[in-house]
């Protein structure tokens, strides 16, 4: 969670930067002096950009990155305490949950590029992304418990990535885990030297972009839907998704290319 600071009133720096290149949209949290805390304004900016990206088929992958030494220190505590009402807190956490759900619901895979600490809702953001690559120096914690606040909303994606006892260990102690531990526990995919972070993220982006966009979008959507139902319903949903995917031009092309031992020429990119 972020220290008790806010941007200077005269700051004109955008809270979120966006750069699109070669089918990859990079969203960079840009509150480095505040450890990229998720203010209401930053949450709104993230939601708006995610929804816009989701409507753009030319974009194949999203990377969420951060400026400065920290990835994200969670919610902005000073902003939270400025309006101590149930109505405000209901609205704030609904706003944050909607942004997190947008990550799961857009068709493009979303990769967290974690160069520094990710705490509380910042750790939630990492857990919510489809993939995550971290610098070896990065550390992770759900630290609300240290200030009398159980990290209930971060618990949602955390419990869906980690084993229950490991998730509860983080939630109940608020203690940091390092990047290698985060890999071992399933919070991130890879931990690499800081100098190799961009290359590792780019490698994932390149691999995903080489695949059929239809297959990626279909698969991502099904993956999250089937997690929320029983196993019988999950198989029904998966069979329906497979049948729909088989009707796509890309599936026919991919199978024909495999049988002919030639590279596939995807029709939908």
C-alpha atoms as a PDB file:
ATOM      1  CA  UNK A   1       0.000   0.000   0.000  1.00  0.00           C
ATOM      2  CA  UNK A   2       1.171   3.463  -0.872  1.00  0.00           C
ATOM      3  CA  UNK A   3       2.627   5.942   1.632  1.00  0.00           C
ATOM      4  CA  UNK A   4       0.547   8.989   2.586  1.00  0.00           C
ATOM      5  CA  UNK A   5       1.358  11.068  -0.496  1.00  0.00           C
ATOM      6  CA  UNK A   6      -0.378  12.470  -3.547  1.00  0.00           C
ATOM      7  CA  UNK A   7       0.814  14.125  -6.741  1.00  0.00           C
ATOM      8  CA  UNK A   8       1.380  17.862  -6.543  1.00  0.00           C
ATOM      9  CA  UNK A   9      -1.763  19.739  -7.539  1.00  0.00           C
ATOM     10  CA  UNK A  10       0.001  21.277 -10.526  1.00  0.00           C
ATOM     11  CA  UNK A  11       1.149  17.953 -11.983  1.00  0.00           C
ATOM     12  CA  UNK A  12       0.154  17.568 -15.614  1.00  0.00           C
ATOM     13  CA  UNK A  13       1.775  14.192 -16.193  1.00  0.00           C
ATOM     14  CA  UNK A  14      -0.715  11.596 -17.481  1.00  0.00           C
ATOM     15  CA  UNK A  15      -1.466   8.903 -14.914  1.00  0.00           C
ATOM     16  CA  UNK A  16      -1.380   6.207 -17.569  1.00  0.00           C
ATOM     17  CA  UNK A  17       0.751   6.014 -20.691  1.00  0.00           C
ATOM     18  CA  UNK A  18      -0.187   3.951 -23.731  1.00  0.00           C
ATOM     19  CA  UNK A  19       2.046   2.883 -26.588  1.00  0.00           C
ATOM     20  CA  UNK A  20       0.938   0.588 -29.433  1.00  0.00           C
ATOM     21  CA  UNK A  21       3.577  -1.117 -31.520  1.00  0.00           C
ATOM     22  CA  UNK A  22       3.558  -4.210 -33.729  1.00  0.00           C
ATOM     23  CA  UNK A  23       0.259  -5.480 -32.340  1.00  0.00           C
ATOM     24  CA  UNK A  24       1.220  -4.964 -28.691  1.00  0.00           C
ATOM     25  CA  UNK A  25      -0.368  -2.279 -26.527  1.00  0.00           C
ATOM     26  CA  UNK A  26       1.702  -1.309 -23.490  1.00  0.00           C
ATOM     27  CA  UNK A  27      -0.074   0.473 -20.637  1.00  0.00           C
ATOM     28  CA  UNK A  28       2.359   2.065 -18.196  1.00  0.00           C
ATOM     29  CA  UNK A  29       1.237   3.118 -14.725  1.00  0.00           C
ATOM     30  CA  UNK A  30       2.702   6.597 -14.349  1.00  0.00           C
ATOM     31  CA  UNK A  31       2.578   7.672 -10.703  1.00  0.00           C
ATOM     32  CA  UNK A  32       6.177   6.788  -9.812  1.00  0.00           C
ATOM     33  CA  UNK A  33       6.381   9.198  -6.861  1.00  0.00           C
ATOM     34  CA  UNK A  34       3.336   7.475  -5.373  1.00  0.00           C
ATOM     35  CA  UNK A  35       4.615   3.982  -6.190  1.00  0.00           C
ATOM     36  CA  UNK A  36       1.929   3.807  -8.884  1.00  0.00           C
ATOM     37  CA  UNK A  37      -0.917   3.599  -6.400  1.00  0.00           C
ATOM     38  CA  UNK A  38      -4.308   2.876  -7.944  1.00  0.00           C
ATOM     39  CA  UNK A  39      -6.150   6.146  -7.439  1.00  0.00           C
ATOM     40  CA  UNK A  40      -9.725   6.513  -8.673  1.00  0.00           C
ATOM     41  CA  UNK A  41      -8.413   8.414 -11.670  1.00  0.00           C
ATOM     42  CA  UNK A  42      -5.837   5.753 -12.557  1.00  0.00           C
ATOM     43  CA  UNK A  43      -8.444   2.997 -12.225  1.00  0.00           C
ATOM     44  CA  UNK A  44     -10.732   4.930 -14.586  1.00  0.00           C
ATOM     45  CA  UNK A  45      -7.916   5.420 -17.091  1.00  0.00           C
ATOM     46  CA  UNK A  46      -6.994   1.736 -17.004  1.00  0.00           C
ATOM     47  CA  UNK A  47     -10.607   0.676 -17.513  1.00  0.00           C
ATOM     48  CA  UNK A  48     -11.076   3.045 -20.443  1.00  0.00           C
ATOM     49  CA  UNK A  49      -7.924   1.898 -22.221  1.00  0.00           C
ATOM     50  CA  UNK A  50      -8.616  -1.805 -21.634  1.00  0.00           C
ATOM     51  CA  UNK A  51     -12.095  -1.494 -23.103  1.00  0.00           C
ATOM     52  CA  UNK A  52     -10.754   0.445 -26.107  1.00  0.00           C
ATOM     53  CA  UNK A  53      -8.024  -2.132 -26.698  1.00  0.00           C
ATOM     54  CA  UNK A  54     -10.553  -4.943 -26.446  1.00  0.00           C
ATOM     55  CA  UNK A  55     -12.441  -3.439 -29.384  1.00  0.00           C
ATOM     56  CA  UNK A  56      -9.331  -3.217 -31.586  1.00  0.00           C
ATOM     57  CA  UNK A  57      -8.567  -6.501 -33.400  1.00  0.00           C
ATOM     58  CA  UNK A  58      -5.253  -5.112 -34.662  1.00  0.00           C
ATOM     59  CA  UNK A  59      -3.916  -5.350 -31.119  1.00  0.00           C
ATOM     60  CA  UNK A  60      -2.954  -8.888 -30.122  1.00  0.00           C
ATOM     61  CA  UNK A  61      -1.364  -8.556 -26.690  1.00  0.00           C
ATOM     62  CA  UNK A  62      -1.505  -6.099 -23.784  1.00  0.00           C
ATOM     63  CA  UNK A  63       1.420  -5.416 -21.448  1.00  0.00           C
ATOM     64  CA  UNK A  64       0.842  -3.659 -18.130  1.00  0.00           C
ATOM     65  CA  UNK A  65       4.065  -1.999 -17.005  1.00  0.00           C
ATOM     66  CA  UNK A  66       4.999   0.718 -14.516  1.00  0.00           C
ATOM     67  CA  UNK A  67       7.263   3.752 -14.284  1.00  0.00           C
ATOM     68  CA  UNK A  68       9.787   4.130 -11.474  1.00  0.00           C
ATOM     69  CA  UNK A  69      11.132   1.591  -8.986  1.00  0.00           C
ATOM     70  CA  UNK A  70       7.773   0.105  -7.890  1.00  0.00           C
ATOM     71  CA  UNK A  71       5.213  -1.748  -9.970  1.00  0.00           C
ATOM     72  CA  UNK A  72       2.153  -0.863  -7.878  1.00  0.00           C
ATOM     73  CA  UNK A  73       1.656  -0.298  -4.150  1.00  0.00           C
ATOM     74  CA  UNK A  74      -2.097  -0.903  -4.114  1.00  0.00           C
ATOM     75  CA  UNK A  75      -4.862   1.589  -3.466  1.00  0.00           C
ATOM     76  CA  UNK A  76      -4.120   5.210  -2.605  1.00  0.00           C
ATOM     77  CA  UNK A  77      -4.626   5.231   1.171  1.00  0.00           C
ATOM     78  CA  UNK A  78      -4.793   8.998   1.532  1.00  0.00           C
ATOM     79  CA  UNK A  79      -7.481   9.218  -1.133  1.00  0.00           C
ATOM     80  CA  UNK A  80      -9.360   6.366   0.538  1.00  0.00           C
ATOM     81  CA  UNK A  81      -9.300   8.040   3.942  1.00  0.00           C
ATOM     82  CA  UNK A  82     -10.399  11.410   2.560  1.00  0.00           C
ATOM     83  CA  UNK A  83     -13.979  10.151   2.149  1.00  0.00           C
ATOM     84  CA  UNK A  84     -14.658   7.670   4.972  1.00  0.00           C
ATOM     85  CA  UNK A  85     -18.158   6.573   3.987  1.00  0.00           C
ATOM     86  CA  UNK A  86     -19.597   3.173   3.096  1.00  0.00           C
ATOM     87  CA  UNK A  87     -21.064   4.586  -0.115  1.00  0.00           C
ATOM     88  CA  UNK A  88     -17.657   5.812  -1.251  1.00  0.00           C
ATOM     89  CA  UNK A  89     -15.903   2.544  -0.411  1.00  0.00           C
ATOM     90  CA  UNK A  90     -18.592   0.505  -2.186  1.00  0.00           C
ATOM     91  CA  UNK A  91     -18.093   2.644  -5.285  1.00  0.00           C
ATOM     92  CA  UNK A  92     -14.285   2.491  -5.119  1.00  0.00           C
ATOM     93  CA  UNK A  93     -14.040  -1.279  -4.768  1.00  0.00           C
ATOM     94  CA  UNK A  94     -16.679  -1.812  -7.454  1.00  0.00           C
ATOM     95  CA  UNK A  95     -14.602   0.407  -9.743  1.00  0.00           C
ATOM     96  CA  UNK A  96     -11.462  -1.589  -9.005  1.00  0.00           C
ATOM     97  CA  UNK A  97     -13.236  -4.928  -9.465  1.00  0.00           C
ATOM     98  CA  UNK A  98     -14.638  -3.771 -12.823  1.00  0.00           C
ATOM     99  CA  UNK A  99     -11.136  -2.886 -14.012  1.00  0.00           C
ATOM    100  CA  UNK A 100      -9.775  -6.264 -12.887  1.00  0.00           C
ATOM    101  CA  UNK A 101     -12.618  -8.069 -14.650  1.00  0.00           C
ATOM    102  CA  UNK A 102     -11.896  -6.120 -17.835  1.00  0.00           C
ATOM    103  CA  UNK A 103      -8.459  -7.754 -17.881  1.00  0.00           C
ATOM    104  CA  UNK A 104     -10.094 -11.176 -17.946  1.00  0.00           C
ATOM    105  CA  UNK A 105     -12.847 -10.232 -20.388  1.00  0.00           C
ATOM    106  CA  UNK A 106     -10.969  -8.561 -23.222  1.00  0.00           C
ATOM    107  CA  UNK A 107      -9.915 -11.041 -25.928  1.00  0.00           C
ATOM    108  CA  UNK A 108      -6.224 -10.162 -25.838  1.00  0.00           C
ATOM    109  CA  UNK A 109      -3.886 -11.858 -23.349  1.00  0.00           C
ATOM    110  CA  UNK A 110      -2.617  -9.397 -20.722  1.00  0.00           C
ATOM    111  CA  UNK A 111       0.937  -9.671 -19.402  1.00  0.00           C
ATOM    112  CA  UNK A 112       2.166  -7.980 -16.227  1.00  0.00           C
ATOM    113  CA  UNK A 113       5.721  -6.635 -16.552  1.00  0.00           C
ATOM    114  CA  UNK A 114       6.787  -6.410 -12.906  1.00  0.00           C
ATOM    115  CA  UNK A 115      10.007  -4.521 -12.271  1.00  0.00           C
ATOM    116  CA  UNK A 116       9.565  -3.765  -8.541  1.00  0.00           C
ATOM    117  CA  UNK A 117       7.312  -4.268  -5.535  1.00  0.00           C
ATOM    118  CA  UNK A 118       3.671  -5.206  -6.059  1.00  0.00           C
ATOM    119  CA  UNK A 119       1.613  -4.942  -2.891  1.00  0.00           C
ATOM    120  CA  UNK A 120      -2.075  -5.219  -1.940  1.00  0.00           C
ATOM    121  CA  UNK A 121      -4.153  -4.253  -5.007  1.00  0.00           C
ATOM    122  CA  UNK A 122      -0.873  -4.082  -6.934  1.00  0.00           C
ATOM    123  CA  UNK A 123      -0.320  -7.768  -6.199  1.00  0.00           C
ATOM    124  CA  UNK A 124      -3.970  -8.288  -7.148  1.00  0.00           C
ATOM    125  CA  UNK A 125      -3.230  -6.663 -10.509  1.00  0.00           C
ATOM    126  CA  UNK A 126      -0.363  -9.098 -11.126  1.00  0.00           C
ATOM    127  CA  UNK A 127      -2.515 -12.070 -10.138  1.00  0.00           C
ATOM    128  CA  UNK A 128      -5.372 -10.917 -12.370  1.00  0.00           C
ATOM    129  CA  UNK A 129      -3.220 -10.647 -15.503  1.00  0.00           C
ATOM    130  CA  UNK A 130      -3.165 -13.706 -17.733  1.00  0.00           C
ATOM    131  CA  UNK A 131       0.618 -13.932 -17.586  1.00  0.00           C
ATOM    132  CA  UNK A 132       3.321 -12.214 -15.551  1.00  0.00           C
ATOM    133  CA  UNK A 133       7.071 -11.787 -15.883  1.00  0.00           C
ATOM    134  CA  UNK A 134       9.048 -10.308 -13.007  1.00  0.00           C
ATOM    135  CA  UNK A 135      12.523  -8.979 -12.444  1.00  0.00           C
ATOM    136  CA  UNK A 136      14.421 -11.041  -9.903  1.00  0.00           C
ATOM    137  CA  UNK A 137      14.413  -8.027  -7.570  1.00  0.00           C
ATOM    138  CA  UNK A 138      10.599  -7.775  -7.551  1.00  0.00           C
ATOM    139  CA  UNK A 139       8.713  -8.624  -4.372  1.00  0.00           C
ATOM    140  CA  UNK A 140       5.067  -9.338  -3.719  1.00  0.00           C
ATOM    141  CA  UNK A 141       2.759  -8.956  -0.720  1.00  0.00           C
ATOM    142  CA  UNK A 142      -0.896  -8.494   0.171  1.00  0.00           C
ATOM    143  CA  UNK A 143      -0.137  -6.206   3.068  1.00  0.00           C
ATOM    144  CA  UNK A 144      -3.521  -4.834   4.093  1.00  0.00           C
ATOM    145  CA  UNK A 145      -3.530  -7.052   7.153  1.00  0.00           C
ATOM    146  CA  UNK A 146      -0.680  -4.928   8.539  1.00  0.00           C
ATOM    147  CA  UNK A 147      -2.985  -1.890   8.740  1.00  0.00           C
ATOM    148  CA  UNK A 148      -6.045  -3.756   9.976  1.00  0.00           C
ATOM    149  CA  UNK A 149      -7.553  -4.457   6.557  1.00  0.00           C
ATOM    150  CA  UNK A 150      -7.792  -7.984   5.173  1.00  0.00           C
ATOM    151  CA  UNK A 151      -7.055  -7.890   1.429  1.00  0.00           C
ATOM    152  CA  UNK A 152     -10.388  -9.399   0.434  1.00  0.00           C
ATOM    153  CA  UNK A 153     -10.484  -8.234  -3.174  1.00  0.00           C
ATOM    154  CA  UNK A 154      -6.843  -9.223  -3.848  1.00  0.00           C
ATOM    155  CA  UNK A 155      -7.770 -12.618  -2.382  1.00  0.00           C
ATOM    156  CA  UNK A 156     -10.030 -13.294  -5.377  1.00  0.00           C
ATOM    157  CA  UNK A 157      -7.353 -13.644  -8.106  1.00  0.00           C
ATOM    158  CA  UNK A 158      -4.709 -14.709  -5.587  1.00  0.00           C
ATOM    159  CA  UNK A 159      -6.771 -17.748  -4.536  1.00  0.00           C
ATOM    160  CA  UNK A 160      -7.260 -18.625  -8.204  1.00  0.00           C
ATOM    161  CA  UNK A 161      -3.514 -18.642  -8.908  1.00  0.00           C
ATOM    162  CA  UNK A 162      -1.916 -20.019  -5.749  1.00  0.00           C
ATOM    163  CA  UNK A 163      -2.687 -23.045  -3.627  1.00  0.00           C
ATOM    164  CA  UNK A 164      -5.071 -22.186  -0.791  1.00  0.00           C
ATOM    165  CA  UNK A 165      -2.558 -22.444   2.029  1.00  0.00           C
ATOM    166  CA  UNK A 166       0.006 -20.327   0.210  1.00  0.00           C
ATOM    167  CA  UNK A 167      -2.606 -17.707  -0.610  1.00  0.00           C
ATOM    168  CA  UNK A 168      -3.766 -17.656   3.005  1.00  0.00           C
ATOM    169  CA  UNK A 169      -0.174 -17.364   4.199  1.00  0.00           C
ATOM    170  CA  UNK A 170       0.248 -14.204   2.160  1.00  0.00           C
ATOM    171  CA  UNK A 171      -3.146 -12.815   3.174  1.00  0.00           C
ATOM    172  CA  UNK A 172      -2.817 -13.528   6.893  1.00  0.00           C
ATOM    173  CA  UNK A 173       0.810 -12.474   7.389  1.00  0.00           C
ATOM    174  CA  UNK A 174       1.217  -9.628   4.884  1.00  0.00           C
ATOM    175  CA  UNK A 175       4.792 -10.795   4.438  1.00  0.00           C
ATOM    176  CA  UNK A 176       6.707 -10.327   1.191  1.00  0.00           C
ATOM    177  CA  UNK A 177       7.685 -13.165  -1.101  1.00  0.00           C
ATOM    178  CA  UNK A 178      10.495 -12.773  -3.607  1.00  0.00           C
ATOM    179  CA  UNK A 179      10.245 -13.320  -7.345  1.00  0.00           C
ATOM    180  CA  UNK A 180      11.597 -16.909  -7.392  1.00  0.00           C
ATOM    181  CA  UNK A 181       9.051 -17.835  -4.723  1.00  0.00           C
ATOM    182  CA  UNK A 182       6.321 -16.106  -6.737  1.00  0.00           C
ATOM    183  CA  UNK A 183       7.263 -18.345  -9.680  1.00  0.00           C
ATOM    184  CA  UNK A 184       7.253 -21.481  -7.536  1.00  0.00           C
ATOM    185  CA  UNK A 185       3.873 -20.560  -6.034  1.00  0.00           C
ATOM    186  CA  UNK A 186       2.260 -19.771  -9.381  1.00  0.00           C
ATOM    187  CA  UNK A 187       1.863 -16.004  -9.079  1.00  0.00           C
ATOM    188  CA  UNK A 188       4.201 -15.222 -11.990  1.00  0.00           C
ATOM    189  CA  UNK A 189       5.455 -17.228 -14.959  1.00  0.00           C
ATOM    190  CA  UNK A 190       9.108 -16.222 -15.001  1.00  0.00           C
ATOM    191  CA  UNK A 191      11.640 -14.314 -12.929  1.00  0.00           C
ATOM    192  CA  UNK A 192      14.582 -12.915 -14.879  1.00  0.00           C
ATOM    193  CA  UNK A 193      17.420 -10.437 -14.305  1.00  0.00           C
ATOM    194  CA  UNK A 194      16.168  -6.867 -14.617  1.00  0.00           C
ATOM    195  CA  UNK A 195      18.255  -6.365 -17.751  1.00  0.00           C
ATOM    196  CA  UNK A 196      16.386  -9.245 -19.423  1.00  0.00           C
ATOM    197  CA  UNK A 197      12.855  -8.239 -18.382  1.00  0.00           C
ATOM    198  CA  UNK A 198      11.880  -6.535 -21.637  1.00  0.00           C
ATOM    199  CA  UNK A 199      13.286  -9.381 -23.712  1.00  0.00           C
ATOM    200  CA  UNK A 200      11.357 -11.957 -21.692  1.00  0.00           C
ATOM    201  CA  UNK A 201       8.102 -10.019 -22.109  1.00  0.00           C
ATOM    202  CA  UNK A 202       8.783  -9.547 -25.828  1.00  0.00           C
ATOM    203  CA  UNK A 203       9.386 -13.273 -26.212  1.00  0.00           C
ATOM    204  CA  UNK A 204       5.929 -14.032 -24.809  1.00  0.00           C
ATOM    205  CA  UNK A 205       4.333 -11.365 -27.013  1.00  0.00           C
ATOM    206  CA  UNK A 206       6.009 -12.769 -30.125  1.00  0.00           C
ATOM    207  CA  UNK A 207       4.894 -16.298 -29.307  1.00  0.00           C
ATOM    208  CA  UNK A 208       1.274 -15.235 -28.778  1.00  0.00           C
ATOM    209  CA  UNK A 209       1.182 -13.057 -31.907  1.00  0.00           C
ATOM    210  CA  UNK A 210       2.307 -16.042 -33.995  1.00  0.00           C
ATOM    211  CA  UNK A 211      -0.866 -17.904 -33.040  1.00  0.00           C
ATOM    212  CA  UNK A 212      -4.360 -17.543 -34.478  1.00  0.00           C
ATOM    213  CA  UNK A 213      -6.128 -14.547 -32.945  1.00  0.00           C
ATOM    214  CA  UNK A 214      -9.424 -16.447 -33.122  1.00  0.00           C
ATOM    215  CA  UNK A 215      -8.003 -19.402 -31.206  1.00  0.00           C
ATOM    216  CA  UNK A 216      -6.393 -17.155 -28.582  1.00  0.00           C
ATOM    217  CA  UNK A 217      -9.551 -15.129 -27.975  1.00  0.00           C
ATOM    218  CA  UNK A 218     -11.774 -18.212 -27.919  1.00  0.00           C
ATOM    219  CA  UNK A 219      -9.457 -20.008 -25.549  1.00  0.00           C
ATOM    220  CA  UNK A 220      -9.019 -17.120 -23.157  1.00  0.00           C
ATOM    221  CA  UNK A 221     -12.755 -16.563 -22.879  1.00  0.00           C
ATOM    222  CA  UNK A 222     -13.471 -20.245 -22.267  1.00  0.00           C
ATOM    223  CA  UNK A 223     -10.625 -20.592 -19.762  1.00  0.00           C
ATOM    224  CA  UNK A 224     -12.112 -18.069 -17.351  1.00  0.00           C
ATOM    225  CA  UNK A 225     -15.744 -19.108 -17.836  1.00  0.00           C
ATOM    226  CA  UNK A 226     -15.128 -22.772 -17.111  1.00  0.00           C
ATOM    227  CA  UNK A 227     -13.270 -22.020 -13.892  1.00  0.00           C
ATOM    228  CA  UNK A 228     -16.475 -20.788 -12.297  1.00  0.00           C
ATOM    229  CA  UNK A 229     -18.682 -23.852 -12.902  1.00  0.00           C
ATOM    230  CA  UNK A 230     -18.734 -27.536 -11.973  1.00  0.00           C
ATOM    231  CA  UNK A 231     -16.724 -30.045 -13.994  1.00  0.00           C
ATOM    232  CA  UNK A 232     -19.689 -31.364 -16.002  1.00  0.00           C
ATOM    233  CA  UNK A 233     -20.749 -27.860 -17.014  1.00  0.00           C
ATOM    234  CA  UNK A 234     -17.109 -27.021 -17.723  1.00  0.00           C
ATOM    235  CA  UNK A 235     -16.856 -29.877 -20.213  1.00  0.00           C
ATOM    236  CA  UNK A 236     -20.111 -28.773 -21.872  1.00  0.00           C
ATOM    237  CA  UNK A 237     -18.780 -25.234 -22.222  1.00  0.00           C
ATOM    238  CA  UNK A 238     -15.409 -26.476 -23.468  1.00  0.00           C
ATOM    239  CA  UNK A 239     -16.979 -28.783 -26.058  1.00  0.00           C
ATOM    240  CA  UNK A 240     -19.116 -25.921 -27.359  1.00  0.00           C
ATOM    241  CA  UNK A 241     -16.060 -23.655 -27.561  1.00  0.00           C
ATOM    242  CA  UNK A 242     -14.072 -26.340 -29.404  1.00  0.00           C
ATOM    243  CA  UNK A 243     -16.884 -26.894 -31.918  1.00  0.00           C
ATOM    244  CA  UNK A 244     -17.192 -23.150 -32.561  1.00  0.00           C
ATOM    245  CA  UNK A 245     -13.423 -22.848 -32.893  1.00  0.00           C
ATOM    246  CA  UNK A 246     -13.372 -25.721 -35.405  1.00  0.00           C
ATOM    247  CA  UNK A 247     -15.791 -23.775 -37.610  1.00  0.00           C
ATOM    248  CA  UNK A 248     -13.373 -20.846 -37.839  1.00  0.00           C
ATOM    249  CA  UNK A 249     -11.271 -20.516 -41.003  1.00  0.00           C
ATOM    250  CA  UNK A 250      -8.099 -20.462 -38.923  1.00  0.00           C
ATOM    251  CA  UNK A 251      -8.745 -23.937 -37.499  1.00  0.00           C
ATOM    252  CA  UNK A 252      -9.149 -25.447 -40.957  1.00  0.00           C
ATOM    253  CA  UNK A 253      -6.057 -23.648 -42.187  1.00  0.00           C
ATOM    254  CA  UNK A 254      -4.027 -24.693 -39.160  1.00  0.00           C
ATOM    255  CA  UNK A 255      -4.927 -28.373 -39.503  1.00  0.00           C
ATOM    256  CA  UNK A 256      -4.370 -28.360 -43.268  1.00  0.00           C
ATOM    257  CA  UNK A 257      -0.985 -26.682 -42.762  1.00  0.00           C
ATOM    258  CA  UNK A 258       0.005 -29.253 -40.142  1.00  0.00           C
ATOM    259  CA  UNK A 259      -0.965 -32.157 -42.390  1.00  0.00           C
ATOM    260  CA  UNK A 260       0.867 -30.578 -45.339  1.00  0.00           C
ATOM    261  CA  UNK A 261       3.901 -29.815 -43.159  1.00  0.00           C
ATOM    262  CA  UNK A 262       3.869 -26.117 -44.045  1.00  0.00           C
ATOM    263  CA  UNK A 263       3.519 -22.894 -42.004  1.00  0.00           C
ATOM    264  CA  UNK A 264      -0.065 -21.812 -41.357  1.00  0.00           C
ATOM    265  CA  UNK A 265      -1.308 -18.610 -42.953  1.00  0.00           C
ATOM    266  CA  UNK A 266      -3.762 -17.232 -40.400  1.00  0.00           C
ATOM    267  CA  UNK A 267      -6.717 -15.437 -41.887  1.00  0.00           C
ATOM    268  CA  UNK A 268      -7.547 -13.473 -38.730  1.00  0.00           C
ATOM    269  CA  UNK A 269      -4.779 -11.501 -37.108  1.00  0.00           C
END
